[in-house]
Amino acid sequence: QVQLVESGGGLVQAGGSLRLSCAASGGTFSSYNLGWFRQAPGKEREFVAHISWSASTTSYLDSVKGRFTISRDNAKNAVYLQMNSLKPEDTAVYYCAAHHRLVRSGTPSSESRYGYWGQGTQVTVSS
């Protein structure tokens, strides 16, 4: 059983940066692929970024490519989302999620692939 706890959210002006962190416990962290999702008010939760267990593969939502970077530190059981050039439309609750690397259902951007979720951290970007 994997537990995930996000941190690093907050209020930032448009054009600014934030770094989200997600601390994991309760499992063999290096066996899990990790993802970040977000949910804006009144909208469905959407995929933001994914990183494989070995960090050899990453993928991103088109609208964040070139601005966001996902990374992980298996020694610290942590995954990060560096967010630069933030826009008001990035405002959302951001969730960290994990699935065992042997789980192949759906795609890395599919919520259904992820069996473990954090509680979320609020990111608000003011214009």
Protein backbone atom coordinates (compact mmCIF):
# COMPACT_ATOMS: atom_id res chain seq x y z
CA GLN A 1 0.00 0.00 0.00
CA VAL A 2 1.47 3.30 -1.11
CA GLN A 3 0.70 6.59 0.61
CA LEU A 4 1.29 9.85 -1.23
CA VAL A 5 1.47 13.33 0.26
CA GLU A 6 1.75 16.44 -1.93
CA SER A 7 3.20 19.78 -0.90
CA GLY A 8 4.42 22.99 -2.45
CA GLY A 9 1.20 24.50 -3.71
CA GLY A 10 0.31 28.12 -3.17
CA LEU A 11 -0.55 31.47 -4.71
CA VAL A 12 1.69 32.83 -7.44
CA GLN A 13 1.45 35.56 -10.05
CA ALA A 14 1.22 34.74 -13.73
CA GLY A 15 4.68 34.10 -15.12
CA GLY A 16 5.93 32.80 -11.82
CA SER A 17 7.11 29.36 -10.76
CA LEU A 18 6.25 26.71 -8.23
CA ARG A 19 7.73 23.33 -7.43
CA LEU A 20 5.36 20.65 -6.23
CA SER A 21 6.66 17.69 -4.26
CA CYS A 22 5.08 14.35 -3.54
CA ALA A 23 6.46 12.13 -0.79
CA ALA A 24 5.73 8.43 -0.98
CA SER A 25 5.75 5.76 1.70
CA GLY A 26 4.61 2.21 2.18
CA GLY A 27 5.94 0.59 -0.96
CA THR A 28 9.01 -0.01 -3.09
CA PHE A 29 9.05 3.43 -4.67
CA SER A 30 11.33 2.48 -7.53
CA SER A 31 8.74 -0.08 -8.72
CA TYR A 32 6.10 2.56 -9.35
CA ASN A 33 5.38 4.89 -12.23
CA LEU A 34 4.23 8.30 -11.08
CA GLY A 35 1.88 10.90 -12.45
CA TRP A 36 0.56 14.37 -11.75
CA PHE A 37 -3.06 15.26 -12.45
CA ARG A 38 -5.03 18.42 -11.80
CA GLN A 39 -8.63 19.45 -11.35
CA ALA A 40 -9.83 22.99 -11.88
CA PRO A 41 -13.12 24.22 -10.38
CA GLY A 42 -16.07 22.90 -12.33
CA LYS A 43 -13.89 20.72 -14.55
CA GLU A 44 -12.92 17.08 -14.69
CA ARG A 45 -9.55 15.96 -13.43
CA GLU A 46 -6.96 15.89 -16.21
CA PHE A 47 -3.55 14.35 -16.76
CA VAL A 48 -0.57 16.68 -16.46
CA ALA A 49 2.61 14.59 -16.50
CA HIS A 50 3.97 11.08 -16.08
CA ILE A 51 7.35 9.58 -15.30
CA SER A 52 8.34 5.95 -15.50
CA TRP A 53 9.85 3.99 -12.63
CA SER A 54 13.37 4.43 -14.01
CA ALA A 55 12.79 8.04 -15.11
CA SER A 56 13.67 6.96 -18.65
CA THR A 57 10.28 8.03 -19.99
CA THR A 58 8.21 11.15 -19.39
CA SER A 59 5.08 12.52 -21.00
CA TYR A 60 3.12 15.74 -20.67
CA LEU A 61 -0.18 17.40 -21.38
CA ASP A 62 0.33 19.46 -24.52
CA SER A 63 -0.54 22.73 -22.82
CA VAL A 64 2.24 22.34 -20.23
CA LYS A 65 5.03 21.07 -22.50
CA GLY A 66 8.06 23.31 -22.27
CA ARG A 67 6.81 24.88 -19.03
CA PHE A 68 6.48 21.94 -16.62
CA THR A 69 9.06 19.30 -15.80
CA ILE A 70 8.43 16.08 -13.90
CA SER A 71 11.29 14.39 -12.08
CA ARG A 72 11.82 11.83 -9.37
CA ASP A 73 14.38 10.91 -6.73
CA ASN A 74 14.11 7.23 -5.91
CA ALA A 75 16.56 7.59 -3.03
CA LYS A 76 14.22 10.10 -1.38
CA ASN A 77 10.97 8.39 -2.43
CA ALA A 78 9.81 11.61 -4.01
CA VAL A 79 8.45 12.94 -7.28
CA TYR A 80 8.45 16.59 -8.29
CA LEU A 81 6.69 18.89 -10.70
CA GLN A 82 8.58 22.04 -11.57
CA MET A 83 6.11 24.54 -12.99
CA ASN A 84 7.45 27.62 -14.78
CA SER A 85 5.75 30.41 -16.72
CA LEU A 86 2.54 29.72 -14.86
CA LYS A 87 -0.74 30.92 -16.33
CA PRO A 88 -4.11 31.58 -14.67
CA GLU A 89 -5.48 28.52 -16.48
CA ASP A 90 -3.03 26.37 -14.51
CA THR A 91 -5.06 27.11 -11.39
CA ALA A 92 -6.25 23.78 -9.98
CA VAL A 93 -5.83 21.22 -7.26
CA TYR A 94 -2.82 19.12 -8.24
CA TYR A 95 -2.73 15.43 -7.38
CA CYS A 96 0.13 12.99 -7.27
CA ALA A 97 -0.68 9.42 -8.34
CA ALA A 98 1.15 6.11 -8.60
CA HIS A 99 0.79 2.72 -10.22
CA HIS A 100 2.99 -0.34 -10.16
CA ARG A 101 5.16 -0.50 -13.24
CA LEU A 102 3.65 -3.88 -14.22
CA VAL A 103 0.17 -2.37 -14.50
CA ARG A 104 -0.52 -1.92 -18.20
CA SER A 105 -4.22 -1.04 -18.36
CA GLY A 106 -5.01 2.15 -20.23
CA THR A 107 -2.25 4.63 -20.93
CA PRO A 108 0.03 6.70 -18.68
CA SER A 109 -2.48 9.53 -18.99
CA SER A 110 -5.44 7.38 -17.90
CA GLU A 111 -6.68 7.90 -14.37
CA SER A 112 -7.79 4.27 -14.27
CA ARG A 113 -4.18 3.08 -14.42
CA TYR A 114 -3.35 4.72 -11.10
CA GLY A 115 -4.28 2.89 -7.92
CA TYR A 116 -2.81 5.33 -5.43
CA TRP A 117 -3.59 9.02 -5.03
CA GLY A 118 -2.57 11.85 -2.78
CA GLN A 119 -4.95 14.33 -1.20
CA GLY A 120 -4.00 17.17 -3.53
CA THR A 121 -2.40 20.58 -3.19
CA GLN A 122 -3.94 23.85 -4.36
CA VAL A 123 -2.17 25.95 -6.97
CA THR A 124 -3.61 29.38 -7.68
CA VAL A 125 -2.18 31.61 -10.41
CA SER A 126 -3.31 35.22 -10.36
CA SER A 127 -3.38 37.39 -13.46
